[in-house]
Amino acid sequence: MHFFIILQYFFIIYFLTKYWHNNRPFFLLETNGKIMLEILVPTQAPLSEQAYNALRMDILSGGILPGAQLKLDKLKKDYGFSSSPLREALNRLVSEGMVTTEGKRGFFAATVSKKEFEDISRLMLLLDAMALQEAIEMGDDAWEGSVLSAFHQLERCEGRLASGISYSSDVEWATRYNSFFAALFSACSSPQLMQIRSALFQHSERYRLIAARAKPDKKSKLGELKKLINATVDREMQKAGNILKNHLEQMAAPVIKYVSQMK
C-alpha cells in the first residue's frame, strides 16, 4: 500500500518537473463555478481530446503566442500526436474562438487586441455584478463560511510567497484567487449566467496570463477583497457591487495597458 502511495507521488513530481522545465505552465479552468488546476498528464482519453487539452492549455496560458501559425508538422513534433487528432483538436478550438483559419494558410492562434479585451472586461463586469447580487440574495451561512474559508486560503498562500514574487503569475496564488471568486458566486442559482461567464472567463484569463508573464503584478489584493467580503456578508449590495467593480477594473487596467503596447 505504502509502495503505491510513494509511486503516485513520484509520478506527480515527475510530471510537475517535466512541464515546468518545458516552460508549459499549468492552467486554471473554471467549470460550473469550480476552479481547477489543469495539468496535462497521460490519460485514457481519446487522442483528439488529449491534443485539444494540450493545445488549449498552451494557447490560454500564452505558451503559444497570439497570432502564431500552428503548422501540423511542428505540432506533431512538439506534442507527439498524428495529423488526425491534431486537426480535430484545432477545429474544436476554432469553434471556441481560440484558433482561427486563414484559407489555405492553415491554423493560427487567435490574436489579441485592446478592443476585444475591453469588450470581454465590460461583459465580465456585468455578469459578475449579476452573480454577486443573486449570491447575496440567496446565500446562507454555509455560503458565507465558504467565502471566508476561500479568502483565508488565499491569505495563507500569499503569506508563504517570498517577498518580491508576483502574485498574479504564481500558480498557487492564481488558483486560490480564482477559487475565492468561485466561492463568492457559488450561491448564484442561474446555470445559464454561470455558463456564459465561464466561457468569457477563459478568454479573460488568456489575456491576464499573457500580461502577467510579461509584466508581473506584485501588488497584494487582500485589502480590496477583505472590503468586498465585509460588504457582502453584511448584505450591503450596492457597496459590495461598487467594490467588486473597482477591483475588476484595477485588475484589467495593466492588461489593457500591456495589450495596447503590443505590436
Protein backbone atom coordinates (compact mmCIF):
# COMPACT_ATOMS: atom_id res chain seq x y z
CA MET A 1 0.00 0.00 0.00
CA HIS A 2 2.75 2.41 1.01
CA PHE A 3 4.67 1.44 -2.14
CA PHE A 4 1.80 2.56 -4.39
CA ILE A 5 1.41 5.85 -2.49
CA ILE A 6 5.13 6.56 -2.92
CA LEU A 7 4.87 5.63 -6.59
CA GLN A 8 1.98 8.05 -7.08
CA TYR A 9 3.97 10.87 -5.51
CA PHE A 10 6.91 10.01 -7.75
CA PHE A 11 4.81 10.38 -10.89
CA ILE A 12 3.27 13.64 -9.65
CA ILE A 13 6.72 15.12 -9.03
CA TYR A 14 7.95 13.79 -12.37
CA PHE A 15 5.19 15.44 -14.40
CA LEU A 16 5.37 18.71 -12.46
CA THR A 17 9.12 18.84 -13.16
CA LYS A 18 8.66 17.88 -16.82
CA TYR A 19 6.11 20.55 -17.64
CA TRP A 20 7.87 23.21 -15.61
CA HIS A 21 11.16 22.70 -17.45
CA ASN A 22 9.39 22.56 -20.80
CA ASN A 23 8.00 26.01 -19.98
CA ARG A 24 4.48 24.67 -20.28
CA PRO A 25 2.65 26.32 -17.37
CA PHE A 26 -0.30 24.87 -15.59
CA PHE A 27 -3.63 26.50 -16.25
CA LEU A 28 -6.71 27.33 -14.27
CA LEU A 29 -10.05 26.16 -15.57
CA GLU A 30 -13.47 27.21 -14.43
CA THR A 31 -16.27 24.68 -14.90
CA ASN A 32 -19.70 25.34 -13.45
CA GLY A 33 -18.26 27.76 -10.93
CA LYS A 34 -15.47 25.42 -9.80
CA ILE A 35 -11.81 26.30 -10.29
CA MET A 36 -9.42 23.52 -11.13
CA LEU A 37 -5.68 23.42 -11.74
CA GLU A 38 -5.22 21.59 -15.03
CA ILE A 39 -2.01 19.65 -15.53
CA LEU A 40 -1.64 17.71 -18.74
CA VAL A 41 -0.83 14.08 -17.95
CA PRO A 42 -1.22 10.89 -19.99
CA THR A 43 -4.78 9.59 -19.74
CA GLN A 44 -7.04 7.05 -21.42
CA ALA A 45 -8.95 9.88 -23.11
CA PRO A 46 -9.15 9.82 -26.92
CA LEU A 47 -6.09 11.22 -28.64
CA SER A 48 -8.10 14.10 -30.07
CA GLU A 49 -9.17 15.06 -26.54
CA GLN A 50 -5.58 14.90 -25.30
CA ALA A 51 -4.41 17.02 -28.22
CA TYR A 52 -7.20 19.51 -27.59
CA ASN A 53 -6.29 19.85 -23.90
CA ALA A 54 -2.59 20.30 -24.66
CA LEU A 55 -3.10 22.95 -27.35
CA ARG A 56 -5.81 24.75 -25.41
CA MET A 57 -3.68 24.97 -22.29
CA ASP A 58 -0.73 26.45 -24.19
CA ILE A 59 -2.90 28.95 -26.08
CA LEU A 60 -4.72 30.12 -22.96
CA SER A 61 -1.55 30.48 -20.90
CA GLY A 62 0.43 32.24 -23.61
CA GLY A 63 2.75 29.29 -24.20
CA ILE A 64 1.62 29.61 -27.82
CA LEU A 65 1.80 33.28 -28.69
CA PRO A 66 -1.19 35.12 -30.14
CA GLY A 67 -1.17 35.03 -33.93
CA ALA A 68 1.34 32.16 -34.10
CA GLN A 69 0.88 29.84 -37.06
CA LEU A 70 0.02 26.31 -35.99
CA LYS A 71 1.74 24.13 -38.57
CA LEU A 72 0.80 20.49 -38.35
CA ASP A 73 4.34 19.22 -38.91
CA LYS A 74 5.64 21.26 -35.99
CA LEU A 75 2.68 20.37 -33.78
CA LYS A 76 3.23 16.68 -34.48
CA LYS A 77 6.83 17.03 -33.36
CA ASP A 78 6.07 19.19 -30.31
CA TYR A 79 3.07 17.28 -28.99
CA GLY A 80 3.58 13.75 -30.27
CA PHE A 81 0.19 13.35 -31.97
CA SER A 82 -0.58 12.42 -35.56
CA SER A 83 -2.35 14.75 -38.00
CA SER A 84 -5.87 13.40 -37.45
CA PRO A 85 -6.28 14.14 -33.70
CA LEU A 86 -4.47 17.46 -34.13
CA ARG A 87 -6.83 18.57 -36.91
CA GLU A 88 -9.84 17.56 -34.82
CA ALA A 89 -8.47 19.48 -31.84
CA LEU A 90 -7.73 22.56 -33.93
CA ASN A 91 -11.22 22.59 -35.46
CA ARG A 92 -12.70 22.35 -31.98
CA LEU A 93 -10.59 25.30 -30.86
CA VAL A 94 -11.76 27.24 -33.92
CA SER A 95 -15.35 26.79 -32.74
CA GLU A 96 -14.35 28.23 -29.34
CA GLY A 97 -12.60 31.25 -30.84
CA MET A 98 -9.16 30.22 -29.59
CA VAL A 99 -7.88 29.39 -33.09
CA THR A 100 -8.61 30.95 -36.47
CA THR A 101 -8.21 29.73 -40.04
CA GLU A 102 -6.95 31.74 -43.00
CA GLY A 103 -7.89 29.83 -46.12
CA LYS A 104 -5.04 27.68 -47.41
CA ARG A 105 -2.58 29.21 -44.94
CA GLY A 106 -3.89 26.94 -42.19
CA PHE A 107 -4.46 27.47 -38.49
CA PHE A 108 -3.37 30.35 -36.27
CA ALA A 109 -3.67 31.08 -32.56
CA ALA A 110 -6.28 33.79 -32.17
CA THR A 111 -4.85 37.27 -31.96
CA VAL A 112 -5.43 39.60 -29.03
CA SER A 113 -6.48 43.24 -29.09
CA LYS A 114 -7.28 46.04 -26.72
CA LYS A 115 -10.78 46.32 -28.17
CA GLU A 116 -11.58 42.65 -27.61
CA PHE A 117 -10.27 42.62 -24.04
CA GLU A 118 -12.18 45.77 -23.19
CA ASP A 119 -15.33 44.13 -24.56
CA ILE A 120 -14.68 40.96 -22.55
CA SER A 121 -13.99 43.01 -19.41
CA ARG A 122 -17.17 45.04 -19.87
CA LEU A 123 -19.27 41.89 -20.15
CA MET A 124 -17.49 40.27 -17.20
CA LEU A 125 -18.31 43.33 -15.07
CA LEU A 126 -21.98 42.98 -15.92
CA LEU A 127 -22.13 39.23 -15.34
CA ASP A 128 -20.09 39.30 -12.12
CA ALA A 129 -22.31 42.07 -10.75
CA MET A 130 -25.41 39.98 -11.52
CA ALA A 131 -23.86 36.86 -9.99
CA LEU A 132 -22.84 38.75 -6.85
CA GLN A 133 -26.29 40.30 -6.44
CA GLU A 134 -28.02 36.92 -6.61
CA ALA A 135 -25.39 35.34 -4.37
CA ILE A 136 -26.03 37.99 -1.71
CA GLU A 137 -29.79 37.45 -2.01
CA MET A 138 -29.62 33.65 -1.94
CA GLY A 139 -26.51 32.96 0.14
CA ASP A 140 -26.81 31.30 3.55
CA ASP A 141 -24.47 30.76 6.49
CA ALA A 142 -22.70 27.88 4.75
CA TRP A 143 -22.07 30.10 1.73
CA GLU A 144 -20.60 32.83 3.94
CA GLY A 145 -18.35 30.23 5.54
CA SER A 146 -17.11 29.02 2.15
CA VAL A 147 -16.27 32.59 1.11
CA LEU A 148 -14.35 33.24 4.33
CA SER A 149 -12.55 29.91 4.01
CA ALA A 150 -11.52 30.63 0.41
CA PHE A 151 -10.20 34.04 1.44
CA HIS A 152 -8.26 32.51 4.33
CA GLN A 153 -6.58 30.06 1.96
CA LEU A 154 -5.65 32.91 -0.39
CA GLU A 155 -4.29 34.90 2.56
CA ARG A 156 -2.16 31.98 3.76
CA CYS A 157 -0.87 31.37 0.25
CA GLU A 158 0.18 34.98 -0.12
CA GLY A 159 1.92 34.83 3.24
CA ARG A 160 4.02 31.87 2.04
CA LEU A 161 5.27 33.66 -1.05
CA ALA A 162 8.73 35.17 -0.84
CA SER A 163 8.97 38.94 -0.92
CA GLY A 164 9.08 40.36 -4.44
CA ILE A 165 7.35 37.41 -6.12
CA SER A 166 4.47 38.33 -8.39
CA TYR A 167 1.15 37.15 -7.03
CA SER A 168 -0.72 37.15 -10.34
CA SER A 169 1.79 34.89 -12.12
CA ASP A 170 2.18 32.40 -9.23
CA VAL A 171 0.29 29.15 -9.89
CA GLU A 172 -0.95 28.52 -6.35
CA TRP A 173 -1.92 32.16 -5.79
CA ALA A 174 -3.88 32.26 -9.05
CA THR A 175 -5.66 29.05 -8.06
CA ARG A 176 -6.62 30.46 -4.66
CA TYR A 177 -7.65 33.81 -6.13
CA ASN A 178 -9.99 32.23 -8.64
CA SER A 179 -11.31 29.81 -6.01
CA PHE A 180 -12.27 32.81 -3.92
CA PHE A 181 -14.48 34.18 -6.67
CA ALA A 182 -15.90 30.74 -7.37
CA ALA A 183 -16.97 30.61 -3.71
CA LEU A 184 -18.28 34.16 -3.83
CA PHE A 185 -20.57 33.42 -6.79
CA SER A 186 -21.46 29.86 -5.74
CA ALA A 187 -24.82 30.92 -4.32
CA CYS A 188 -25.92 32.21 -7.72
CA SER A 189 -28.60 29.83 -8.95
CA SER A 190 -28.53 30.70 -12.66
CA PRO A 191 -26.73 27.96 -14.65
CA GLN A 192 -27.01 29.98 -17.87
CA LEU A 193 -25.38 33.03 -16.31
CA MET A 194 -22.54 30.96 -14.89
CA GLN A 195 -22.08 29.11 -18.18
CA ILE A 196 -21.73 32.33 -20.17
CA ARG A 197 -19.43 33.76 -17.52
CA SER A 198 -17.30 30.61 -17.66
CA ALA A 199 -16.76 30.99 -21.41
CA LEU A 200 -15.77 34.64 -21.04
CA PHE A 201 -13.57 33.75 -18.08
CA GLN A 202 -11.40 31.54 -20.32
CA HIS A 203 -10.75 34.35 -22.77
CA SER A 204 -10.18 36.86 -19.98
CA GLU A 205 -7.67 34.57 -18.27
CA ARG A 206 -5.76 34.20 -21.52
CA TYR A 207 -5.23 37.95 -21.65
CA ARG A 208 -4.38 38.19 -17.96
CA LEU A 209 -1.83 35.38 -18.04
CA ILE A 210 -0.13 36.73 -21.16
CA ALA A 211 0.21 40.14 -19.49
CA ALA A 212 1.27 38.64 -16.13
CA ARG A 213 4.07 36.64 -17.76
CA ALA A 214 5.39 39.77 -19.46
CA LYS A 215 4.82 42.29 -16.67
CA PRO A 216 4.11 40.60 -13.32
CA ASP A 217 1.90 42.41 -10.80
CA LYS A 218 3.39 42.30 -7.29
CA LYS A 219 0.69 44.30 -5.50
CA SER A 220 -1.35 42.41 -2.89
CA LYS A 221 -5.11 42.22 -3.49
CA LEU A 222 -6.06 41.12 0.05
CA GLY A 223 -7.14 44.55 1.27
CA GLU A 224 -9.58 45.02 -1.61
CA LEU A 225 -11.01 41.52 -1.22
CA LYS A 226 -11.43 41.91 2.56
CA LYS A 227 -13.57 45.00 1.95
CA LEU A 228 -15.59 43.04 -0.58
CA ILE A 229 -16.18 40.23 1.93
CA ASN A 230 -17.29 42.61 4.67
CA ALA A 231 -19.81 44.35 2.43
CA THR A 232 -21.03 41.01 1.09
CA VAL A 233 -21.64 39.25 4.40
CA ASP A 234 -23.29 42.44 5.73
CA ARG A 235 -25.62 42.22 2.71
CA GLU A 236 -24.70 45.75 1.60
CA MET A 237 -25.44 45.02 -2.03
CA GLN A 238 -24.65 48.40 -3.58
CA LYS A 239 -21.41 48.80 -1.62
CA ALA A 240 -20.28 45.28 -2.48
CA GLY A 241 -21.09 45.87 -6.14
CA ASN A 242 -19.03 49.07 -6.21
CA ILE A 243 -16.06 47.39 -4.53
CA LEU A 244 -16.24 44.49 -6.98
CA LYS A 245 -16.41 46.84 -9.96
CA ASN A 246 -13.43 48.83 -8.71
CA HIS A 247 -11.40 45.66 -8.09
CA LEU A 248 -12.10 44.17 -11.52
CA GLU A 249 -11.26 47.46 -13.24
CA GLN A 250 -7.95 47.63 -11.34
CA MET A 251 -7.15 44.05 -12.38
CA ALA A 252 -7.96 44.84 -16.01
CA ALA A 253 -6.03 48.13 -16.20
CA PRO A 254 -2.48 46.66 -16.50
CA VAL A 255 -3.72 44.11 -19.05
CA ILE A 256 -5.25 46.85 -21.19
CA LYS A 257 -2.04 48.85 -20.93
CA TYR A 258 0.08 45.86 -21.95
CA VAL A 259 -2.16 44.85 -24.85
CA SER A 260 -2.19 48.47 -26.09
CA GLN A 261 1.60 48.35 -26.37
CA MET A 262 1.73 45.02 -28.19
CA LYS A 263 2.66 45.14 -31.86
